[in-house]
């Protein structure tokens, strides 16, 4: 969106308030239309300038789910501060215009400050609504991108070749297992194509991951072992689609695949009152964290983009190379249940 369009939207948004303030000045002070419009413009200019600060605060402090007492208390304090600073700014502007110290209180200090609080509530409400709309649009775009990326990942030639090769070799020796493997491969691809949700329960994500691991176990055999330690209260929590699968796939490709020795992948999950934490750790040779951060092919960067789109600054993905070996990725999300 161009700057010209942005400024046009701002002007359109503040114009009704300017007209309202002009009317109030005319009725309260019996001023001419021109004088009242000029006074109202100066008042609106200060409010709009402070509104930019409110918008920046809203960007850095997303609306929590559920709403918390500290969040409400912070905005109550900020509303008072906004109102007071607005009074000071308007007084400074009027002092400059009139060439002498002026304290602008309008119909009274209380009414003026309450008007400032009302302006803050309006600006904060519009800011959070706009940011939520932007995040929803971005989340939808990122979900589509992630879905296609996951599909491309599963359709990777090496993946398909190894999976189908394992199925072919199972047919003469274990036909039932070969048929099951073929069904699992078809189910995995079907789920990837048909899934259109942004969030799924941990249980659903683990079921998808298990299908993926079943196919990888055919390729790695005893070289790959996986343990899952996720409690029932975590399994009902909502997480972004393919989030856990991305971390597990990263562990398989970069932890197990390069090694001849056996590699263990441990998937754990824990829940607190307001957070859910999921970790994927492998016993591989470890990795350079800076290199992993810079390498978009690991899926780490793509997953972080989705977290930012879905949760703002409330979620994070931490990665670390374990000592003496191995790699760990930990996903921390605001807790939300699948039944909500």
Protein backbone atom coordinates (compact mmCIF):
# COMPACT_ATOMS: atom_id res chain seq x y z
CA UNK A 1 0.00 0.00 0.00
CA UNK A 2 1.42 3.39 -1.02
CA UNK A 3 2.03 6.24 1.44
CA UNK A 4 -0.49 8.36 -0.44
CA UNK A 5 -3.24 5.83 0.20
CA UNK A 6 -2.27 5.52 3.87
CA UNK A 7 -2.43 9.28 4.41
CA UNK A 8 -5.74 9.45 2.56
CA UNK A 9 -7.20 6.83 4.89
CA UNK A 10 -5.94 8.73 7.93
CA UNK A 11 -7.51 11.95 6.70
CA UNK A 12 -10.83 10.23 6.05
CA UNK A 13 -10.73 8.64 9.51
CA UNK A 14 -10.04 11.88 11.40
CA UNK A 15 -12.32 14.12 9.32
CA UNK A 16 -15.55 13.26 11.23
CA UNK A 17 -13.84 14.07 14.54
CA UNK A 18 -12.58 17.36 13.16
CA UNK A 19 -16.14 18.22 12.10
CA UNK A 20 -17.46 17.20 15.54
CA UNK A 21 -14.86 19.28 17.40
CA UNK A 22 -15.58 22.25 15.09
CA UNK A 23 -19.27 22.03 15.95
CA UNK A 24 -18.52 21.81 19.68
CA UNK A 25 -16.27 24.89 19.54
CA UNK A 26 -18.93 26.87 17.67
CA UNK A 27 -21.65 25.95 20.16
CA UNK A 28 -19.48 26.42 23.26
CA UNK A 29 -17.75 29.67 22.30
CA UNK A 30 -20.01 31.17 19.64
CA UNK A 31 -17.00 31.25 17.28
CA UNK A 32 -17.07 31.67 13.53
CA UNK A 33 -16.83 28.60 11.34
CA UNK A 34 -13.30 29.48 10.21
CA UNK A 35 -11.96 30.12 13.71
CA UNK A 36 -13.68 27.02 15.12
CA UNK A 37 -12.34 24.83 12.31
CA UNK A 38 -8.79 26.10 12.94
CA UNK A 39 -9.02 25.48 16.69
CA UNK A 40 -10.46 22.01 16.11
CA UNK A 41 -7.71 21.25 13.62
CA UNK A 42 -5.05 22.06 16.22
CA UNK A 43 -6.78 19.80 18.75
CA UNK A 44 -7.09 16.95 16.28
CA UNK A 45 -3.45 17.31 15.21
CA UNK A 46 -2.25 16.63 18.76
CA UNK A 47 -4.61 13.68 19.16
CA UNK A 48 -3.54 12.19 15.82
CA UNK A 49 0.16 12.56 16.66
CA UNK A 50 -0.37 10.72 19.94
CA UNK A 51 -2.44 8.16 18.04
CA UNK A 52 0.70 7.03 16.22
CA UNK A 53 2.25 6.17 19.60
CA UNK A 54 -0.88 4.20 20.56
CA UNK A 55 -0.71 2.27 17.29
CA UNK A 56 2.97 1.40 17.85
CA UNK A 57 2.14 0.18 21.36
CA UNK A 58 -0.68 -1.99 20.02
CA UNK A 59 1.72 -3.51 17.48
CA UNK A 60 4.21 -4.44 20.21
CA UNK A 61 1.59 -5.67 22.70
CA UNK A 62 -1.01 -7.84 20.87
CA UNK A 63 -4.47 -8.39 22.28
CA UNK A 64 -4.18 -11.40 24.64
CA UNK A 65 -6.50 -14.39 24.59
CA UNK A 66 -8.07 -14.38 27.12
CA UNK A 67 -7.88 -10.75 28.19
CA UNK A 68 -5.74 -10.39 31.32
CA UNK A 69 -6.00 -7.98 34.24
CA UNK A 70 -2.47 -6.56 33.66
CA UNK A 71 -3.39 -5.86 30.03
CA UNK A 72 -6.52 -3.92 31.03
CA UNK A 73 -4.68 -2.10 33.82
CA UNK A 74 -1.95 -1.05 31.41
CA UNK A 75 -4.45 0.46 29.00
CA UNK A 76 -6.31 2.24 31.81
CA UNK A 77 -3.04 3.87 32.84
CA UNK A 78 -2.15 4.69 29.25
CA UNK A 79 -5.59 6.25 28.67
CA UNK A 80 -4.98 8.63 31.56
CA UNK A 81 -1.47 9.40 30.33
CA UNK A 82 -2.73 9.98 26.78
CA UNK A 83 -5.41 12.36 28.02
CA UNK A 84 -2.97 14.38 30.14
CA UNK A 85 -0.31 14.59 27.42
CA UNK A 86 -2.98 15.64 24.91
CA UNK A 87 -3.98 18.49 27.22
CA UNK A 88 -0.32 19.54 27.54
CA UNK A 89 0.26 19.42 23.77
CA UNK A 90 -2.84 21.47 23.05
CA UNK A 91 -1.84 24.00 25.69
CA UNK A 92 1.63 24.34 24.14
CA UNK A 93 0.14 24.77 20.66
CA UNK A 94 -2.32 27.42 21.85
CA UNK A 95 0.46 29.20 23.76
CA UNK A 96 2.52 29.41 20.56
CA UNK A 97 -0.49 30.60 18.52
CA UNK A 98 -1.47 33.30 21.03
CA UNK A 99 2.07 34.32 21.98
CA UNK A 100 1.44 33.87 25.71
CA UNK A 101 1.04 30.96 28.13
CA UNK A 102 -2.35 29.32 27.73
CA UNK A 103 -3.80 26.30 29.51
CA UNK A 104 -6.43 24.68 27.31
CA UNK A 105 -9.20 23.16 29.39
CA UNK A 106 -12.25 23.82 27.20
CA UNK A 107 -15.46 23.32 29.20
CA UNK A 108 -13.39 22.16 32.20
CA UNK A 109 -10.42 19.98 33.15
CA UNK A 110 -12.56 16.92 33.92
CA UNK A 111 -14.52 17.08 30.66
CA UNK A 112 -11.32 17.71 28.70
CA UNK A 113 -9.53 14.74 30.26
CA UNK A 114 -12.56 12.48 29.75
CA UNK A 115 -12.57 13.49 26.08
CA UNK A 116 -8.90 12.47 25.93
CA UNK A 117 -9.73 9.08 27.46
CA UNK A 118 -12.52 8.63 24.92
CA UNK A 119 -10.08 9.43 22.10
CA UNK A 120 -7.60 6.89 23.47
CA UNK A 121 -10.26 4.16 23.62
CA UNK A 122 -11.32 4.94 20.07
CA UNK A 123 -7.74 4.93 18.72
CA UNK A 124 -6.73 1.78 20.61
CA UNK A 125 -9.89 -0.02 19.49
CA UNK A 126 -9.38 0.89 15.85
CA UNK A 127 -5.67 -0.02 16.09
CA UNK A 128 -6.33 -3.48 17.51
CA UNK A 129 -9.11 -4.12 15.01
CA UNK A 130 -6.89 -3.10 12.11
CA UNK A 131 -3.97 -5.19 13.37
CA UNK A 132 -6.24 -8.21 13.89
CA UNK A 133 -7.52 -7.88 10.32
CA UNK A 134 -3.99 -7.61 8.98
CA UNK A 135 -2.86 -10.63 11.00
CA UNK A 136 -5.84 -12.67 9.83
CA UNK A 137 -5.06 -11.88 6.19
CA UNK A 138 -1.38 -12.61 6.69
CA UNK A 139 -2.14 -15.82 8.58
CA UNK A 140 -4.38 -17.00 5.74
CA UNK A 141 -1.66 -16.29 3.19
CA UNK A 142 1.01 -17.97 5.32
CA UNK A 143 -1.24 -20.99 5.93
CA UNK A 144 -1.63 -21.47 2.19
CA UNK A 145 2.11 -21.04 1.73
CA UNK A 146 2.85 -23.52 4.51
CA UNK A 147 0.37 -26.03 3.11
CA UNK A 148 1.97 -25.90 -0.32
CA UNK A 149 5.46 -26.03 1.20
CA UNK A 150 4.52 -29.08 3.26
CA UNK A 151 3.09 -30.75 0.18
CA UNK A 152 6.26 -30.03 -1.79
CA UNK A 153 8.26 -31.42 1.13
CA UNK A 154 6.29 -34.67 1.17
CA UNK A 155 6.49 -34.91 -2.60
CA UNK A 156 10.26 -34.48 -2.47
CA UNK A 157 11.70 -36.98 -5.00
CA UNK A 158 13.98 -38.63 -2.43
CA UNK A 159 11.12 -39.03 0.02
CA UNK A 160 8.81 -40.60 -2.54
CA UNK A 161 11.55 -42.79 -3.98
CA UNK A 162 12.57 -44.16 -0.58
CA UNK A 163 9.00 -44.66 0.60
CA UNK A 164 7.90 -46.43 -2.58
CA UNK A 165 11.15 -48.42 -2.69
CA UNK A 166 10.45 -49.70 0.83
CA UNK A 167 6.90 -50.63 -0.15
CA UNK A 168 8.09 -52.55 -3.22
CA UNK A 169 10.58 -54.58 -1.18
CA UNK A 170 7.91 -55.38 1.39
CA UNK A 171 5.45 -56.77 -1.15
CA UNK A 172 7.02 -60.26 -1.64
CA UNK A 173 8.04 -60.65 2.02
CA UNK A 174 5.32 -58.86 3.98
CA UNK A 175 2.42 -58.02 1.65
CA UNK A 176 0.13 -56.94 4.48
CA UNK A 177 2.70 -54.50 5.79
CA UNK A 178 3.35 -53.25 2.26
CA UNK A 179 -0.35 -52.59 1.76
CA UNK A 180 -0.48 -50.76 5.09
CA UNK A 181 2.56 -48.66 4.14
CA UNK A 182 0.96 -47.72 0.82
CA UNK A 183 -2.23 -46.69 2.62
CA UNK A 184 -0.21 -44.62 5.08
CA UNK A 185 1.59 -42.85 2.26
CA UNK A 186 -1.72 -42.12 0.53
CA UNK A 187 -3.27 -40.92 3.78
CA UNK A 188 -0.31 -38.64 4.47
CA UNK A 189 -0.53 -37.00 1.08
CA UNK A 190 -4.34 -36.77 1.23
CA UNK A 191 -4.19 -35.03 4.61
CA UNK A 192 -1.62 -32.55 3.35
CA UNK A 193 -3.73 -31.68 0.32
CA UNK A 194 -7.09 -31.45 2.11
CA UNK A 195 -6.04 -29.69 5.32
CA UNK A 196 -7.16 -26.05 5.22
CA UNK A 197 -7.18 -25.09 8.92
CA UNK A 198 -4.72 -22.67 10.50
CA UNK A 199 -4.84 -24.47 13.86
CA UNK A 200 -5.25 -28.12 14.82
CA UNK A 201 -5.05 -29.95 18.12
CA UNK A 202 -1.74 -31.41 19.24
CA UNK A 203 -3.35 -34.86 19.07
CA UNK A 204 -4.23 -34.37 15.40
CA UNK A 205 -0.76 -33.05 14.63
CA UNK A 206 0.85 -36.01 16.40
CA UNK A 207 -1.29 -38.41 14.38
CA UNK A 208 -0.05 -36.76 11.19
CA UNK A 209 3.55 -36.87 12.43
CA UNK A 210 3.20 -40.55 13.27
CA UNK A 211 2.18 -41.32 9.68
CA UNK A 212 5.23 -39.45 8.45
CA UNK A 213 7.52 -41.29 10.89
CA UNK A 214 6.10 -44.70 9.97
CA UNK A 215 7.33 -44.16 6.43
CA UNK A 216 10.71 -42.85 7.57
CA UNK A 217 11.18 -45.86 9.87
CA UNK A 218 10.93 -48.14 6.83
CA UNK A 219 13.90 -46.30 5.35
CA UNK A 220 16.04 -45.95 8.47
CA UNK A 221 15.09 -49.17 10.27
CA UNK A 222 16.88 -49.44 13.62
CA UNK A 223 18.82 -46.27 12.90
CA UNK A 224 15.78 -44.19 13.87
CA UNK A 225 13.88 -44.37 17.12
CA UNK A 226 11.24 -41.95 18.29
CA UNK A 227 9.80 -41.36 21.74
CA UNK A 228 6.75 -39.20 22.38
CA UNK A 229 6.08 -37.90 25.87
CA UNK A 230 3.10 -35.55 25.57
CA UNK A 231 0.50 -35.47 28.33
CA UNK A 232 -3.24 -35.58 27.69
CA UNK A 233 -3.78 -31.96 28.73
CA UNK A 234 -1.30 -30.87 26.06
CA UNK A 235 -2.90 -33.02 23.35
CA UNK A 236 -6.10 -30.95 23.44
CA UNK A 237 -4.25 -27.66 22.89
CA UNK A 238 -4.28 -25.90 19.53
CA UNK A 239 -1.10 -25.39 17.51
CA UNK A 240 -0.43 -24.20 13.95
CA UNK A 241 -0.93 -26.85 11.29
CA UNK A 242 2.34 -28.63 10.36
CA UNK A 243 4.25 -26.87 13.17
CA UNK A 244 5.30 -30.04 14.97
CA UNK A 245 5.72 -31.93 11.70
CA UNK A 246 8.16 -29.26 10.51
CA UNK A 247 10.32 -29.70 13.62
CA UNK A 248 10.23 -33.51 13.43
CA UNK A 249 11.05 -33.50 9.73
CA UNK A 250 13.94 -31.12 10.45
CA UNK A 251 15.26 -33.57 13.07
CA UNK A 252 15.00 -36.52 10.67
CA UNK A 253 16.65 -34.78 7.74
CA UNK A 254 19.42 -33.00 9.60
CA UNK A 255 19.81 -35.21 12.65
CA UNK A 256 19.24 -38.81 11.55
CA UNK A 257 19.88 -38.79 7.79
CA UNK A 258 23.58 -37.79 7.85
CA UNK A 259 24.47 -40.41 10.50
CA UNK A 260 25.34 -44.08 10.33
CA UNK A 261 24.76 -44.56 14.05
CA UNK A 262 21.30 -44.80 15.55
CA UNK A 263 19.52 -41.52 16.24
CA UNK A 264 16.80 -40.96 18.78
CA UNK A 265 14.17 -38.23 18.41
CA UNK A 266 12.31 -37.19 21.55
CA UNK A 267 9.05 -35.25 21.30
CA UNK A 268 7.87 -33.75 24.59
CA UNK A 269 5.05 -31.43 25.57
CA UNK A 270 4.12 -29.57 28.73
CA UNK A 271 1.37 -27.11 29.63
CA UNK A 272 1.10 -24.22 32.05
CA UNK A 273 -1.90 -22.04 32.85
CA UNK A 274 -1.40 -19.82 29.81
CA UNK A 275 1.29 -21.52 27.72
CA UNK A 276 1.93 -24.75 25.89
CA UNK A 277 5.47 -25.90 25.18
CA UNK A 278 6.46 -28.54 22.61
CA UNK A 279 10.03 -29.69 22.08
CA UNK A 280 11.69 -31.88 19.47
CA UNK A 281 15.18 -33.08 20.37
CA UNK A 282 17.49 -35.42 18.50
CA UNK A 283 20.71 -37.20 19.45
CA UNK A 284 22.42 -36.39 16.17
CA UNK A 285 25.68 -34.55 15.63
CA UNK A 286 24.22 -31.14 16.37
CA UNK A 287 24.30 -28.11 14.12
CA UNK A 288 25.50 -24.55 13.94
CA UNK A 289 22.57 -22.51 15.28
CA UNK A 290 23.49 -19.43 13.22
CA UNK A 291 23.61 -21.52 10.05
CA UNK A 292 20.24 -23.11 10.82
CA UNK A 293 18.73 -19.67 11.43
CA UNK A 294 20.02 -18.46 8.06
CA UNK A 295 18.96 -21.57 6.15
CA UNK A 296 15.33 -21.17 5.11
CA UNK A 297 15.33 -24.76 3.83
CA UNK A 298 15.04 -26.17 7.36
CA UNK A 299 11.53 -24.78 7.72
CA UNK A 300 12.51 -22.84 10.85
CA UNK A 301 12.14 -19.48 9.15
CA UNK A 302 8.83 -20.43 7.53
CA UNK A 303 7.44 -21.61 10.87
CA UNK A 304 8.50 -18.40 12.62
CA UNK A 305 6.70 -16.38 9.96
CA UNK A 306 3.51 -18.32 10.66
CA UNK A 307 3.87 -17.81 14.41
CA UNK A 308 4.23 -14.06 13.91
CA UNK A 309 1.16 -14.01 11.68
CA UNK A 310 -1.00 -16.06 14.04
CA UNK A 311 0.14 -14.83 17.45
CA UNK A 312 2.05 -11.59 17.01
CA UNK A 313 4.72 -11.52 19.72
CA UNK A 314 3.01 -14.04 22.01
CA UNK A 315 4.66 -17.15 20.54
CA UNK A 316 8.26 -18.08 19.98
CA UNK A 317 10.46 -20.81 18.55
CA UNK A 318 13.78 -21.40 20.32
CA UNK A 319 16.53 -23.54 18.83
CA UNK A 320 19.76 -24.75 20.40
CA UNK A 321 22.58 -27.16 19.66
CA UNK A 322 22.84 -29.53 22.61
CA UNK A 323 26.04 -30.48 24.37
CA UNK A 324 27.80 -32.77 23.54
CA UNK A 325 25.64 -33.54 20.51
CA UNK A 326 22.15 -33.16 19.15
CA UNK A 327 19.78 -30.39 18.28
CA UNK A 328 16.68 -29.09 20.02
CA UNK A 329 13.77 -26.92 18.89
CA UNK A 330 11.17 -25.67 21.38
CA UNK A 331 7.84 -24.17 20.44
CA UNK A 332 6.08 -21.98 23.05
CA UNK A 333 2.49 -20.89 22.31
CA UNK A 334 -0.39 -19.21 24.14
CA UNK A 335 -2.64 -21.94 25.45
CA UNK A 336 -5.92 -22.43 23.63
CA UNK A 337 -8.05 -25.54 23.74
CA UNK A 338 -9.57 -27.28 20.72
CA UNK A 339 -13.01 -26.98 22.30
CA UNK A 340 -12.84 -23.15 22.44
